[in-house]
PDB file of all heavy atoms in Angstrom:
ATOM      1  N   GLN A   1     -63.957 -63.891  -6.852  1.00  0.00           N
ATOM      2  CA  GLN A   1     -65.274 -63.327  -6.978  1.00  0.00           C
ATOM      3  C   GLN A   1     -65.295 -61.870  -6.551  1.00  0.00           C
ATOM      4  O   GLN A   1     -64.505 -61.394  -5.807  1.00  0.00           O
ATOM      5  CB  GLN A   1     -66.275 -64.144  -6.103  1.00  0.00           C
ATOM      6  CG  GLN A   1     -66.466 -65.562  -6.573  1.00  0.00           C
ATOM      7  CD  GLN A   1     -67.619 -66.271  -5.891  1.00  0.00           C
ATOM      8  OE1 GLN A   1     -68.575 -65.594  -5.442  1.00  0.00           O
ATOM      9  NE2 GLN A   1     -67.583 -67.581  -5.777  1.00  0.00           N
ATOM     10  N   LEU A   2     -66.335 -61.162  -7.069  1.00  0.00           N
ATOM     11  CA  LEU A   2     -66.390 -59.715  -6.830  1.00  0.00           C
ATOM     12  C   LEU A   2     -66.558 -59.417  -5.383  1.00  0.00           C
ATOM     13  O   LEU A   2     -66.289 -58.319  -4.934  1.00  0.00           O
ATOM     14  CB  LEU A   2     -67.523 -59.135  -7.641  1.00  0.00           C
ATOM     15  CG  LEU A   2     -67.228 -58.784  -9.112  1.00  0.00           C
ATOM     16  CD1 LEU A   2     -67.047 -60.046  -9.947  1.00  0.00           C
ATOM     17  CD2 LEU A   2     -68.315 -57.908  -9.686  1.00  0.00           C
ATOM     18  N   ARG A   3     -67.036 -60.356  -4.557  1.00  0.00           N
ATOM     19  CA  ARG A   3     -67.319 -60.085  -3.140  1.00  0.00           C
ATOM     20  C   ARG A   3     -66.276 -60.772  -2.260  1.00  0.00           C
ATOM     21  O   ARG A   3     -66.430 -60.803  -1.038  1.00  0.00           O
ATOM     22  CB  ARG A   3     -68.730 -60.561  -2.772  1.00  0.00           C
ATOM     23  CG  ARG A   3     -68.981 -62.031  -3.117  1.00  0.00           C
ATOM     24  CD  ARG A   3     -70.438 -62.353  -2.971  1.00  0.00           C
ATOM     25  NE  ARG A   3     -70.727 -63.684  -3.505  1.00  0.00           N
ATOM     26  CZ  ARG A   3     -71.215 -64.698  -2.806  1.00  0.00           C
ATOM     27  NH1 ARG A   3     -71.459 -64.572  -1.536  1.00  0.00           N
ATOM     28  NH2 ARG A   3     -71.499 -65.855  -3.410  1.00  0.00           N
ATOM     29  N   ASP A   4     -65.120 -61.246  -2.846  1.00  0.00           N
ATOM     30  CA  ASP A   4     -64.035 -61.829  -2.043  1.00  0.00           C
ATOM     31  C   ASP A   4     -63.176 -60.740  -1.438  1.00  0.00           C
ATOM     32  O   ASP A   4     -61.999 -60.604  -1.839  1.00  0.00           O
ATOM     33  CB  ASP A   4     -63.213 -62.813  -2.934  1.00  0.00           C
ATOM     34  CG  ASP A   4     -63.958 -64.060  -3.241  1.00  0.00           C
ATOM     35  OD1 ASP A   4     -64.949 -64.366  -2.577  1.00  0.00           O
ATOM     36  OD2 ASP A   4     -63.484 -64.763  -4.181  1.00  0.00           O
ATOM     37  N   TRP A   5     -63.685 -60.014  -0.489  1.00  0.00           N
ATOM     38  CA  TRP A   5     -62.972 -58.867   0.076  1.00  0.00           C
ATOM     39  C   TRP A   5     -61.652 -59.209   0.792  1.00  0.00           C
ATOM     40  O   TRP A   5     -60.845 -58.377   1.001  1.00  0.00           O
ATOM     41  CB  TRP A   5     -63.923 -58.042   0.968  1.00  0.00           C
ATOM     42  CG  TRP A   5     -65.075 -57.526   0.270  1.00  0.00           C
ATOM     43  CD1 TRP A   5     -66.370 -57.872   0.367  1.00  0.00           C
ATOM     44  CD2 TRP A   5     -65.080 -56.417  -0.695  1.00  0.00           C
ATOM     45  NE1 TRP A   5     -67.158 -57.178  -0.468  1.00  0.00           N
ATOM     46  CE2 TRP A   5     -66.419 -56.227  -1.094  1.00  0.00           C
ATOM     47  CE3 TRP A   5     -64.091 -55.589  -1.266  1.00  0.00           C
ATOM     48  CZ2 TRP A   5     -66.753 -55.324  -2.096  1.00  0.00           C
ATOM     49  CZ3 TRP A   5     -64.414 -54.676  -2.225  1.00  0.00           C
ATOM     50  CH2 TRP A   5     -65.773 -54.526  -2.622  1.00  0.00           C
ATOM     51  N   ASP A   6     -61.542 -60.520   1.169  1.00  0.00           N
ATOM     52  CA  ASP A   6     -60.321 -60.874   1.900  1.00  0.00           C
ATOM     53  C   ASP A   6     -59.234 -61.501   0.964  1.00  0.00           C
ATOM     54  O   ASP A   6     -58.189 -61.798   1.407  1.00  0.00           O
ATOM     55  CB  ASP A   6     -60.646 -61.916   2.992  1.00  0.00           C
ATOM     56  CG  ASP A   6     -61.357 -63.144   2.448  1.00  0.00           C
ATOM     57  OD1 ASP A   6     -61.754 -63.142   1.280  1.00  0.00           O
ATOM     58  OD2 ASP A   6     -61.472 -64.119   3.227  1.00  0.00           O
ATOM     59  N   ALA A   7     -59.563 -61.534  -0.355  1.00  0.00           N
ATOM     60  CA  ALA A   7     -58.590 -62.104  -1.313  1.00  0.00           C
ATOM     61  C   ALA A   7     -57.645 -61.009  -1.828  1.00  0.00           C
ATOM     62  O   ALA A   7     -57.528 -60.792  -2.987  1.00  0.00           O
ATOM     63  CB  ALA A   7     -59.378 -62.762  -2.467  1.00  0.00           C
ATOM     64  N   TYR A   8     -56.951 -60.323  -0.881  1.00  0.00           N
ATOM     65  CA  TYR A   8     -56.149 -59.166  -1.218  1.00  0.00           C
ATOM     66  C   TYR A   8     -54.833 -59.532  -1.885  1.00  0.00           C
ATOM     67  O   TYR A   8     -54.570 -59.068  -3.022  1.00  0.00           O
ATOM     68  CB  TYR A   8     -55.901 -58.342  -0.001  1.00  0.00           C
ATOM     69  CG  TYR A   8     -55.112 -57.064  -0.256  1.00  0.00           C
ATOM     70  CD1 TYR A   8     -55.733 -55.900  -0.638  1.00  0.00           C
ATOM     71  CD2 TYR A   8     -53.759 -57.066  -0.082  1.00  0.00           C
ATOM     72  CE1 TYR A   8     -55.037 -54.731  -0.914  1.00  0.00           C
ATOM     73  CE2 TYR A   8     -52.986 -55.918  -0.349  1.00  0.00           C
ATOM     74  CZ  TYR A   8     -53.647 -54.763  -0.737  1.00  0.00           C
ATOM     75  OH  TYR A   8     -52.936 -53.596  -1.012  1.00  0.00           O
ATOM     76  N   ASP A   9     -54.023 -60.310  -1.292  1.00  0.00           N
ATOM     77  CA  ASP A   9     -52.629 -60.530  -1.756  1.00  0.00           C
ATOM     78  C   ASP A   9     -52.586 -61.127  -3.138  1.00  0.00           C
ATOM     79  O   ASP A   9     -51.838 -60.641  -3.999  1.00  0.00           O
ATOM     80  CB  ASP A   9     -51.911 -61.403  -0.733  1.00  0.00           C
ATOM     81  CG  ASP A   9     -51.654 -60.699   0.580  1.00  0.00           C
ATOM     82  OD1 ASP A   9     -51.212 -59.529   0.560  1.00  0.00           O
ATOM     83  OD2 ASP A   9     -51.878 -61.312   1.598  1.00  0.00           O
ATOM     84  N   GLU A  10     -53.376 -62.194  -3.380  1.00  0.00           N
ATOM     85  CA  GLU A  10     -53.284 -62.869  -4.649  1.00  0.00           C
ATOM     86  C   GLU A  10     -53.864 -61.975  -5.758  1.00  0.00           C
ATOM     87  O   GLU A  10     -53.410 -62.001  -6.900  1.00  0.00           O
ATOM     88  CB  GLU A  10     -54.062 -64.195  -4.609  1.00  0.00           C
ATOM     89  CG  GLU A  10     -55.533 -64.159  -4.244  1.00  0.00           C
ATOM     90  CD  GLU A  10     -55.784 -64.327  -2.762  1.00  0.00           C
ATOM     91  OE1 GLU A  10     -55.037 -63.822  -1.968  1.00  0.00           O
ATOM     92  OE2 GLU A  10     -56.729 -65.075  -2.422  1.00  0.00           O
ATOM     93  N   THR A  11     -54.847 -61.130  -5.417  1.00  0.00           N
ATOM     94  CA  THR A  11     -55.442 -60.264  -6.434  1.00  0.00           C
ATOM     95  C   THR A  11     -54.478 -59.142  -6.805  1.00  0.00           C
ATOM     96  O   THR A  11     -54.320 -58.802  -7.986  1.00  0.00           O
ATOM     97  CB  THR A  11     -56.798 -59.643  -5.916  1.00  0.00           C
ATOM     98  OG1 THR A  11     -57.595 -60.712  -5.438  1.00  0.00           O
ATOM     99  CG2 THR A  11     -57.503 -58.936  -7.036  1.00  0.00           C
ATOM    100  N   VAL A  12     -53.831 -58.547  -5.823  1.00  0.00           N
ATOM    101  CA  VAL A  12     -52.830 -57.529  -6.112  1.00  0.00           C
ATOM    102  C   VAL A  12     -51.697 -58.108  -6.939  1.00  0.00           C
ATOM    103  O   VAL A  12     -51.231 -57.469  -7.921  1.00  0.00           O
ATOM    104  CB  VAL A  12     -52.268 -56.917  -4.792  1.00  0.00           C
ATOM    105  CG1 VAL A  12     -51.110 -56.030  -5.059  1.00  0.00           C
ATOM    106  CG2 VAL A  12     -53.376 -56.112  -4.071  1.00  0.00           C
ATOM    107  N   GLU A  13     -51.262 -59.257  -6.602  1.00  0.00           N
ATOM    108  CA  GLU A  13     -50.158 -59.940  -7.368  1.00  0.00           C
ATOM    109  C   GLU A  13     -50.547 -60.184  -8.826  1.00  0.00           C
ATOM    110  O   GLU A  13     -49.729 -59.985  -9.715  1.00  0.00           O
ATOM    111  CB  GLU A  13     -49.753 -61.228  -6.671  1.00  0.00           C
ATOM    112  CG  GLU A  13     -48.644 -62.021  -7.390  1.00  0.00           C
ATOM    113  CD  GLU A  13     -47.320 -61.257  -7.387  1.00  0.00           C
ATOM    114  OE1 GLU A  13     -47.137 -60.355  -6.594  1.00  0.00           O
ATOM    115  OE2 GLU A  13     -46.447 -61.657  -8.208  1.00  0.00           O
ATOM    116  N   ALA A  14     -51.842 -60.569  -9.023  1.00  0.00           N
ATOM    117  CA  ALA A  14     -52.298 -60.834 -10.420  1.00  0.00           C
ATOM    118  C   ALA A  14     -52.233 -59.515 -11.215  1.00  0.00           C
ATOM    119  O   ALA A  14     -51.864 -59.550 -12.403  1.00  0.00           O
ATOM    120  CB  ALA A  14     -53.732 -61.347 -10.396  1.00  0.00           C
ATOM    121  N   GLY A  15     -52.574 -58.380 -10.594  1.00  0.00           N
ATOM    122  CA  GLY A  15     -52.485 -57.105 -11.313  1.00  0.00           C
ATOM    123  C   GLY A  15     -51.073 -56.701 -11.600  1.00  0.00           C
ATOM    124  O   GLY A  15     -50.757 -56.169 -12.697  1.00  0.00           O
ATOM    125  N   TYR A  16     -50.202 -56.959 -10.674  1.00  0.00           N
ATOM    126  CA  TYR A  16     -48.742 -56.642 -10.855  1.00  0.00           C
ATOM    127  C   TYR A  16     -48.152 -57.432 -12.008  1.00  0.00           C
ATOM    128  O   TYR A  16     -47.493 -56.881 -12.907  1.00  0.00           O
ATOM    129  CB  TYR A  16     -48.019 -56.918  -9.559  1.00  0.00           C
ATOM    130  CG  TYR A  16     -46.538 -56.682  -9.598  1.00  0.00           C
ATOM    131  CD1 TYR A  16     -46.001 -55.443  -9.304  1.00  0.00           C
ATOM    132  CD2 TYR A  16     -45.630 -57.722 -10.031  1.00  0.00           C
ATOM    133  CE1 TYR A  16     -44.645 -55.241  -9.372  1.00  0.00           C
ATOM    134  CE2 TYR A  16     -44.282 -57.514 -10.054  1.00  0.00           C
ATOM    135  CZ  TYR A  16     -43.754 -56.252  -9.718  1.00  0.00           C
ATOM    136  OH  TYR A  16     -42.421 -56.013  -9.783  1.00  0.00           O
ATOM    137  N   VAL A  17     -48.436 -58.730 -12.020  1.00  0.00           N
ATOM    138  CA  VAL A  17     -47.898 -59.618 -13.070  1.00  0.00           C
ATOM    139  C   VAL A  17     -48.426 -59.203 -14.422  1.00  0.00           C
ATOM    140  O   VAL A  17     -47.702 -59.117 -15.433  1.00  0.00           O
ATOM    141  CB  VAL A  17     -48.184 -61.067 -12.759  1.00  0.00           C
ATOM    142  CG1 VAL A  17     -47.858 -61.976 -13.921  1.00  0.00           C
ATOM    143  CG2 VAL A  17     -47.447 -61.543 -11.461  1.00  0.00           C
ATOM    144  N   ALA A  18     -49.737 -58.988 -14.502  1.00  0.00           N
ATOM    145  CA  ALA A  18     -50.354 -58.619 -15.790  1.00  0.00           C
ATOM    146  C   ALA A  18     -49.843 -57.300 -16.306  1.00  0.00           C
ATOM    147  O   ALA A  18     -49.689 -57.135 -17.501  1.00  0.00           O
ATOM    148  CB  ALA A  18     -51.893 -58.590 -15.630  1.00  0.00           C
ATOM    149  N   THR A  19     -49.579 -56.371 -15.433  1.00  0.00           N
ATOM    150  CA  THR A  19     -49.036 -55.042 -15.848  1.00  0.00           C
ATOM    151  C   THR A  19     -47.667 -55.160 -16.392  1.00  0.00           C
ATOM    152  O   THR A  19     -47.357 -54.566 -17.453  1.00  0.00           O
ATOM    153  CB  THR A  19     -49.111 -54.057 -14.710  1.00  0.00           C
ATOM    154  OG1 THR A  19     -50.429 -53.958 -14.206  1.00  0.00           O
ATOM    155  CG2 THR A  19     -48.673 -52.658 -15.125  1.00  0.00           C
ATOM    156  N   MET A  20     -46.809 -55.919 -15.747  1.00  0.00           N
ATOM    157  CA  MET A  20     -45.438 -56.105 -16.205  1.00  0.00           C
ATOM    158  C   MET A  20     -45.439 -56.744 -17.599  1.00  0.00           C
ATOM    159  O   MET A  20     -44.688 -56.330 -18.512  1.00  0.00           O
ATOM    160  CB  MET A  20     -44.665 -56.971 -15.222  1.00  0.00           C
ATOM    161  CG  MET A  20     -44.261 -56.295 -13.928  1.00  0.00           C
ATOM    162  SD  MET A  20     -43.057 -54.941 -14.258  1.00  0.00           S
ATOM    163  CE  MET A  20     -42.531 -54.515 -12.591  1.00  0.00           C
ATOM    164  N   LYS A  21     -46.338 -57.703 -17.748  1.00  0.00           N
ATOM    165  CA  LYS A  21     -46.463 -58.371 -19.111  1.00  0.00           C
ATOM    166  C   LYS A  21     -46.980 -57.410 -20.146  1.00  0.00           C
ATOM    167  O   LYS A  21     -46.504 -57.411 -21.319  1.00  0.00           O
ATOM    168  CB  LYS A  21     -47.363 -59.607 -18.980  1.00  0.00           C
ATOM    169  CG  LYS A  21     -47.503 -60.400 -20.286  1.00  0.00           C
ATOM    170  CD  LYS A  21     -48.342 -61.619 -20.062  1.00  0.00           C
ATOM    171  CE  LYS A  21     -48.499 -62.378 -21.396  1.00  0.00           C
ATOM    172  NZ  LYS A  21     -49.351 -63.613 -21.206  1.00  0.00           N
ATOM    173  N   ALA A  22     -47.975 -56.590 -19.791  1.00  0.00           N
ATOM    174  CA  ALA A  22     -48.617 -55.682 -20.764  1.00  0.00           C
ATOM    175  C   ALA A  22     -47.659 -54.645 -21.298  1.00  0.00           C
ATOM    176  O   ALA A  22     -47.743 -54.164 -22.453  1.00  0.00           O
ATOM    177  CB  ALA A  22     -49.815 -54.987 -20.139  1.00  0.00           C
ATOM    178  N   PHE A  23     -46.623 -54.240 -20.445  1.00  0.00           N
ATOM    179  CA  PHE A  23     -45.702 -53.194 -20.887  1.00  0.00           C
ATOM    180  C   PHE A  23     -44.460 -53.772 -21.650  1.00  0.00           C
ATOM    181  O   PHE A  23     -43.623 -52.983 -22.073  1.00  0.00           O
ATOM    182  CB  PHE A  23     -45.217 -52.427 -19.682  1.00  0.00           C
ATOM    183  CG  PHE A  23     -46.122 -51.306 -19.336  1.00  0.00           C
ATOM    184  CD1 PHE A  23     -47.167 -51.404 -18.398  1.00  0.00           C
ATOM    185  CD2 PHE A  23     -45.972 -50.057 -19.965  1.00  0.00           C
ATOM    186  CE1 PHE A  23     -47.996 -50.364 -18.084  1.00  0.00           C
ATOM    187  CE2 PHE A  23     -46.819 -48.993 -19.639  1.00  0.00           C
ATOM    188  CZ  PHE A  23     -47.820 -49.137 -18.715  1.00  0.00           C
ATOM    189  N   GLU A  24     -44.403 -55.089 -21.767  1.00  0.00           N
ATOM    190  CA  GLU A  24     -43.244 -55.642 -22.502  1.00  0.00           C
ATOM    191  C   GLU A  24     -43.206 -55.147 -23.904  1.00  0.00           C
ATOM    192  O   GLU A  24     -44.177 -55.229 -24.655  1.00  0.00           O
ATOM    193  CB  GLU A  24     -43.327 -57.191 -22.488  1.00  0.00           C
ATOM    194  CG  GLU A  24     -43.038 -57.779 -21.125  1.00  0.00           C
ATOM    195  CD  GLU A  24     -43.160 -59.309 -21.146  1.00  0.00           C
ATOM    196  OE1 GLU A  24     -43.428 -59.854 -22.255  1.00  0.00           O
ATOM    197  OE2 GLU A  24     -42.932 -59.951 -20.102  1.00  0.00           O
ATOM    198  N   GLY A  25     -42.083 -54.581 -24.310  1.00  0.00           N
ATOM    199  CA  GLY A  25     -41.923 -54.078 -25.691  1.00  0.00           C
ATOM    200  C   GLY A  25     -42.497 -52.719 -25.936  1.00  0.00           C
ATOM    201  O   GLY A  25     -42.352 -52.159 -27.022  1.00  0.00           O
ATOM    202  N   LYS A  26     -43.122 -52.118 -24.907  1.00  0.00           N
ATOM    203  CA  LYS A  26     -43.676 -50.767 -25.083  1.00  0.00           C
ATOM    204  C   LYS A  26     -42.588 -49.731 -24.838  1.00  0.00           C
ATOM    205  O   LYS A  26     -41.679 -49.966 -24.004  1.00  0.00           O
ATOM    206  CB  LYS A  26     -44.837 -50.549 -24.106  1.00  0.00           C
ATOM    207  CG  LYS A  26     -45.947 -51.563 -24.244  1.00  0.00           C
ATOM    208  CD  LYS A  26     -46.705 -51.416 -25.551  1.00  0.00           C
ATOM    209  CE  LYS A  26     -47.908 -52.341 -25.575  1.00  0.00           C
ATOM    210  NZ  LYS A  26     -48.674 -52.260 -26.869  1.00  0.00           N
ATOM    211  N   LYS A  27     -42.664 -48.602 -25.519  1.00  0.00           N
ATOM    212  CA  LYS A  27     -41.671 -47.533 -25.377  1.00  0.00           C
ATOM    213  C   LYS A  27     -42.212 -46.328 -24.685  1.00  0.00           C
ATOM    214  O   LYS A  27     -41.655 -45.210 -24.861  1.00  0.00           O
ATOM    215  CB  LYS A  27     -41.210 -47.160 -26.819  1.00  0.00           C
ATOM    216  CG  LYS A  27     -40.549 -48.326 -27.600  1.00  0.00           C
ATOM    217  CD  LYS A  27     -39.303 -48.831 -26.990  1.00  0.00           C
ATOM    218  CE  LYS A  27     -38.673 -49.911 -27.789  1.00  0.00           C
ATOM    219  NZ  LYS A  27     -37.419 -50.456 -27.209  1.00  0.00           N
ATOM    220  N   ILE A  28     -43.225 -46.484 -23.889  1.00  0.00           N
ATOM    221  CA  ILE A  28     -43.882 -45.324 -23.303  1.00  0.00           C
ATOM    222  C   ILE A  28     -42.946 -44.631 -22.310  1.00  0.00           C
ATOM    223  O   ILE A  28     -42.908 -43.393 -22.318  1.00  0.00           O
ATOM    224  CB  ILE A  28     -45.192 -45.771 -22.584  1.00  0.00           C
ATOM    225  CG1 ILE A  28     -46.233 -46.102 -23.657  1.00  0.00           C
ATOM    226  CG2 ILE A  28     -45.694 -44.656 -21.644  1.00  0.00           C
ATOM    227  CD1 ILE A  28     -47.553 -46.544 -23.069  1.00  0.00           C
TER     228      ILE A  28
END
């Protein structure tokens, strides 16, 4: 939730995983 200020670790990890996936096959 937007007000889950203590949900740090799992939220950061979700961003890390999604970014690694988004760059797959990209040549940037």
